[in-house]
Amino acid sequence: MQLQFKKFAFKTFTNTGITLTPVELKDFIDFEVKRIYYVTAFEKDSGSHCHKIEKEFFICQKGAITAIIDCGNGIEEFVMTGPNDAMYVGNYVWHGFKNASADCVLLALSSTNYNPDRSDYVPDYEEYKKLVAELK
């Protein structure tokens, strides 16, 4: 199984006094969007984890934030700045966020509806590494 993670920089057009950033979802994600949420006022870093089922697409709408990613090859970090930076996080990809600017707005599109029991989450990094090793 190949774990899927992709970074994107959207094209932006400035015309007639406005800035427009069109995002054709079919060009970036392979799932039907079932839920949209956004995170603001980061008082602490988000909890890193992976999902067994859920896939997500994150867009840094404003400000800056550092994404923490592991696709089974070790942790990498990527800084996302402003509304042109986005990333696709497939299932079984470890992810979290840190160092958000005070004005950061992080938009997420999800392949699943909200489930408060968190049965889809793997919150322990050592457990994640074992799980990914079994998938390879």
C-alpha atoms as a PDB file:
ATOM      1  CA  MET A   1       0.000   0.000   0.000  1.00  0.00           C
ATOM      2  CA  GLN A   2       1.357   3.408  -0.953  1.00  0.00           C
ATOM      3  CA  LEU A   3       0.610   6.192   1.502  1.00  0.00           C
ATOM      4  CA  GLN A   4      -0.544   9.368  -0.192  1.00  0.00           C
ATOM      5  CA  PHE A   5       0.602  12.860   0.686  1.00  0.00           C
ATOM      6  CA  LYS A   6       0.857  15.790  -1.709  1.00  0.00           C
ATOM      7  CA  LYS A   7       1.632  19.491  -1.318  1.00  0.00           C
ATOM      8  CA  PHE A   8       0.061  22.091  -3.570  1.00  0.00           C
ATOM      9  CA  ALA A   9       0.493  25.759  -4.366  1.00  0.00           C
ATOM     10  CA  PHE A  10      -2.682  27.158  -5.892  1.00  0.00           C
ATOM     11  CA  LYS A  11      -2.572  29.583  -8.797  1.00  0.00           C
ATOM     12  CA  THR A  12      -3.931  33.012  -7.963  1.00  0.00           C
ATOM     13  CA  PHE A  13      -5.194  35.623 -10.367  1.00  0.00           C
ATOM     14  CA  THR A  14      -5.366  39.337  -9.688  1.00  0.00           C
ATOM     15  CA  ASN A  15      -7.843  41.078 -11.903  1.00  0.00           C
ATOM     16  CA  THR A  16     -10.207  44.036 -11.702  1.00  0.00           C
ATOM     17  CA  GLY A  17      -9.232  44.886  -8.158  1.00  0.00           C
ATOM     18  CA  ILE A  18      -9.675  41.426  -6.625  1.00  0.00           C
ATOM     19  CA  THR A  19      -7.529  38.382  -6.033  1.00  0.00           C
ATOM     20  CA  LEU A  20      -9.121  35.081  -7.052  1.00  0.00           C
ATOM     21  CA  THR A  21      -7.826  31.610  -6.225  1.00  0.00           C
ATOM     22  CA  PRO A  22      -9.954  28.969  -7.964  1.00  0.00           C
ATOM     23  CA  VAL A  23      -9.760  25.450  -6.545  1.00  0.00           C
ATOM     24  CA  GLU A  24     -11.258  22.653  -8.645  1.00  0.00           C
ATOM     25  CA  LEU A  25     -11.462  19.870  -6.060  1.00  0.00           C
ATOM     26  CA  LYS A  26     -11.356  17.161  -8.722  1.00  0.00           C
ATOM     27  CA  ASP A  27      -7.775  18.264  -9.465  1.00  0.00           C
ATOM     28  CA  PHE A  28      -6.613  17.733  -5.877  1.00  0.00           C
ATOM     29  CA  ILE A  29      -8.629  15.082  -4.016  1.00  0.00           C
ATOM     30  CA  ASP A  30      -9.964  11.599  -4.706  1.00  0.00           C
ATOM     31  CA  PHE A  31     -12.887  11.662  -2.272  1.00  0.00           C
ATOM     32  CA  GLU A  32     -16.329  13.173  -1.840  1.00  0.00           C
ATOM     33  CA  VAL A  33     -16.225  15.974   0.723  1.00  0.00           C
ATOM     34  CA  LYS A  34     -18.529  15.033   3.586  1.00  0.00           C
ATOM     35  CA  ARG A  35     -17.378  17.589   6.135  1.00  0.00           C
ATOM     36  CA  ILE A  36     -15.644  20.960   6.244  1.00  0.00           C
ATOM     37  CA  TYR A  37     -14.103  22.402   9.371  1.00  0.00           C
ATOM     38  CA  TYR A  38     -11.617  25.108  10.203  1.00  0.00           C
ATOM     39  CA  VAL A  39      -9.246  25.708  13.080  1.00  0.00           C
ATOM     40  CA  THR A  40      -8.402  29.142  14.490  1.00  0.00           C
ATOM     41  CA  ALA A  41      -6.983  30.567  17.718  1.00  0.00           C
ATOM     42  CA  PHE A  42      -4.329  27.884  18.144  1.00  0.00           C
ATOM     43  CA  GLU A  43      -3.460  28.081  21.833  1.00  0.00           C
ATOM     44  CA  LYS A  44      -1.368  24.928  21.495  1.00  0.00           C
ATOM     45  CA  ASP A  45      -0.144  22.594  18.766  1.00  0.00           C
ATOM     46  CA  SER A  46      -2.666  20.143  17.351  1.00  0.00           C
ATOM     47  CA  GLY A  47      -2.396  16.519  18.379  1.00  0.00           C
ATOM     48  CA  SER A  48      -0.541  14.456  15.775  1.00  0.00           C
ATOM     49  CA  HIS A  49      -2.234  11.249  14.620  1.00  0.00           C
ATOM     50  CA  CYS A  50      -3.262   9.229  11.584  1.00  0.00           C
ATOM     51  CA  HIS A  51      -6.609   7.984  10.359  1.00  0.00           C
ATOM     52  CA  LYS A  52      -7.334   4.452   9.186  1.00  0.00           C
ATOM     53  CA  ILE A  53     -10.200   5.590   6.935  1.00  0.00           C
ATOM     54  CA  GLU A  54     -10.448   9.376   6.778  1.00  0.00           C
ATOM     55  CA  LYS A  55      -8.641  11.406   4.110  1.00  0.00           C
ATOM     56  CA  GLU A  56      -8.224  15.167   4.451  1.00  0.00           C
ATOM     57  CA  PHE A  57      -7.320  18.201   2.389  1.00  0.00           C
ATOM     58  CA  PHE A  58      -5.900  21.160   4.322  1.00  0.00           C
ATOM     59  CA  ILE A  59      -5.710  24.762   3.091  1.00  0.00           C
ATOM     60  CA  CYS A  60      -3.891  27.478   5.022  1.00  0.00           C
ATOM     61  CA  GLN A  61      -6.412  30.259   4.506  1.00  0.00           C
ATOM     62  CA  LYS A  62      -4.507  32.887   6.436  1.00  0.00           C
ATOM     63  CA  GLY A  63      -1.286  33.214   8.374  1.00  0.00           C
ATOM     64  CA  ALA A  64       1.240  30.401   8.632  1.00  0.00           C
ATOM     65  CA  ILE A  65       1.520  26.975  10.214  1.00  0.00           C
ATOM     66  CA  THR A  66       3.983  24.076  10.194  1.00  0.00           C
ATOM     67  CA  ALA A  67       2.632  20.691   9.122  1.00  0.00           C
ATOM     68  CA  ILE A  68       4.136  17.549  10.654  1.00  0.00           C
ATOM     69  CA  ILE A  69       3.934  14.608   8.216  1.00  0.00           C
ATOM     70  CA  ASP A  70       5.088  10.981   8.128  1.00  0.00           C
ATOM     71  CA  CYS A  71       4.229   8.802   5.124  1.00  0.00           C
ATOM     72  CA  GLY A  72       6.071   5.852   6.628  1.00  0.00           C
ATOM     73  CA  ASN A  73       9.562   7.240   5.990  1.00  0.00           C
ATOM     74  CA  GLY A  74      10.051   9.394   9.091  1.00  0.00           C
ATOM     75  CA  ILE A  75       8.739  12.748  10.189  1.00  0.00           C
ATOM     76  CA  GLU A  76       9.038  15.738   7.854  1.00  0.00           C
ATOM     77  CA  GLU A  77       7.896  19.302   8.410  1.00  0.00           C
ATOM     78  CA  PHE A  78       6.423  21.721   5.881  1.00  0.00           C
ATOM     79  CA  VAL A  79       5.574  25.364   6.442  1.00  0.00           C
ATOM     80  CA  MET A  80       2.264  26.462   4.950  1.00  0.00           C
ATOM     81  CA  THR A  81       1.817  30.196   4.408  1.00  0.00           C
ATOM     82  CA  GLY A  82      -1.276  31.930   3.164  1.00  0.00           C
ATOM     83  CA  PRO A  83      -4.163  30.896   0.982  1.00  0.00           C
ATOM     84  CA  ASN A  84      -2.113  29.341  -1.819  1.00  0.00           C
ATOM     85  CA  ASP A  85      -0.654  26.506   0.287  1.00  0.00           C
ATOM     86  CA  ALA A  86      -2.564  23.248   0.608  1.00  0.00           C
ATOM     87  CA  MET A  87      -1.913  19.573   1.185  1.00  0.00           C
ATOM     88  CA  TYR A  88      -3.671  16.271   0.672  1.00  0.00           C
ATOM     89  CA  VAL A  89      -3.316  13.775   3.532  1.00  0.00           C
ATOM     90  CA  GLY A  90      -4.450  10.250   2.697  1.00  0.00           C
ATOM     91  CA  ASN A  91      -5.356   7.639   5.264  1.00  0.00           C
ATOM     92  CA  TYR A  92      -2.478   6.091   7.240  1.00  0.00           C
ATOM     93  CA  VAL A  93      -0.448   9.311   6.937  1.00  0.00           C
ATOM     94  CA  TRP A  94       0.726  10.678  10.293  1.00  0.00           C
ATOM     95  CA  HIS A  95      -0.077  14.385  10.541  1.00  0.00           C
ATOM     96  CA  GLY A  96      -0.380  17.296  12.919  1.00  0.00           C
ATOM     97  CA  PHE A  97       0.306  21.014  13.068  1.00  0.00           C
ATOM     98  CA  LYS A  98       2.504  23.317  15.153  1.00  0.00           C
ATOM     99  CA  ASN A  99       3.831  26.876  15.312  1.00  0.00           C
ATOM    100  CA  ALA A 100       0.645  28.520  14.047  1.00  0.00           C
ATOM    101  CA  SER A 101       0.780  32.275  13.634  1.00  0.00           C
ATOM    102  CA  ALA A 102      -1.684  34.291  15.726  1.00  0.00           C
ATOM    103  CA  ASP A 103      -3.831  34.961  12.647  1.00  0.00           C
ATOM    104  CA  CYS A 104      -3.736  31.397  11.259  1.00  0.00           C
ATOM    105  CA  VAL A 105      -6.911  29.947   9.758  1.00  0.00           C
ATOM    106  CA  LEU A 106      -6.585  26.308   8.691  1.00  0.00           C
ATOM    107  CA  LEU A 107      -9.423  24.933   6.558  1.00  0.00           C
ATOM    108  CA  ALA A 108      -9.952  21.167   6.293  1.00  0.00           C
ATOM    109  CA  LEU A 109     -12.078  19.127   3.902  1.00  0.00           C
ATOM    110  CA  SER A 110     -12.780  15.594   5.084  1.00  0.00           C
ATOM    111  CA  SER A 111     -13.894  12.355   3.463  1.00  0.00           C
ATOM    112  CA  THR A 112     -15.892  11.367   6.563  1.00  0.00           C
ATOM    113  CA  ASN A 113     -18.574  12.769   8.796  1.00  0.00           C
ATOM    114  CA  TYR A 114     -17.637  13.674  12.356  1.00  0.00           C
ATOM    115  CA  ASN A 115     -17.373  10.691  14.710  1.00  0.00           C
ATOM    116  CA  PRO A 116     -16.814  11.629  18.368  1.00  0.00           C
ATOM    117  CA  ASP A 117     -15.652   8.130  19.410  1.00  0.00           C
ATOM    118  CA  ARG A 118     -12.346   8.642  17.519  1.00  0.00           C
ATOM    119  CA  SER A 119     -12.220   4.953  16.520  1.00  0.00           C
ATOM    120  CA  ASP A 120     -10.602   5.990  13.215  1.00  0.00           C
ATOM    121  CA  TYR A 121      -7.656   7.673  14.991  1.00  0.00           C
ATOM    122  CA  VAL A 122      -4.224   6.248  15.768  1.00  0.00           C
ATOM    123  CA  PRO A 123      -2.838   8.785  18.287  1.00  0.00           C
ATOM    124  CA  ASP A 124       0.315   6.920  19.335  1.00  0.00           C
ATOM    125  CA  TYR A 125       3.340   7.387  17.051  1.00  0.00           C
ATOM    126  CA  GLU A 126       4.971   4.055  17.983  1.00  0.00           C
ATOM    127  CA  GLU A 127       1.706   2.242  17.222  1.00  0.00           C
ATOM    128  CA  TYR A 128       1.530   4.134  13.918  1.00  0.00           C
ATOM    129  CA  LYS A 129       5.035   2.989  12.901  1.00  0.00           C
ATOM    130  CA  LYS A 130       4.120  -0.660  13.625  1.00  0.00           C
ATOM    131  CA  LEU A 131       0.873  -0.317  11.692  1.00  0.00           C
ATOM    132  CA  VAL A 132       2.583   1.189   8.636  1.00  0.00           C
ATOM    133  CA  ALA A 133       5.284  -1.512   8.701  1.00  0.00           C
ATOM    134  CA  GLU A 134       2.521  -4.134   8.538  1.00  0.00           C
ATOM    135  CA  LEU A 135       0.933  -2.385   5.540  1.00  0.00           C
ATOM    136  CA  LYS A 136       4.129  -2.396   3.470  1.00  0.00           C
END
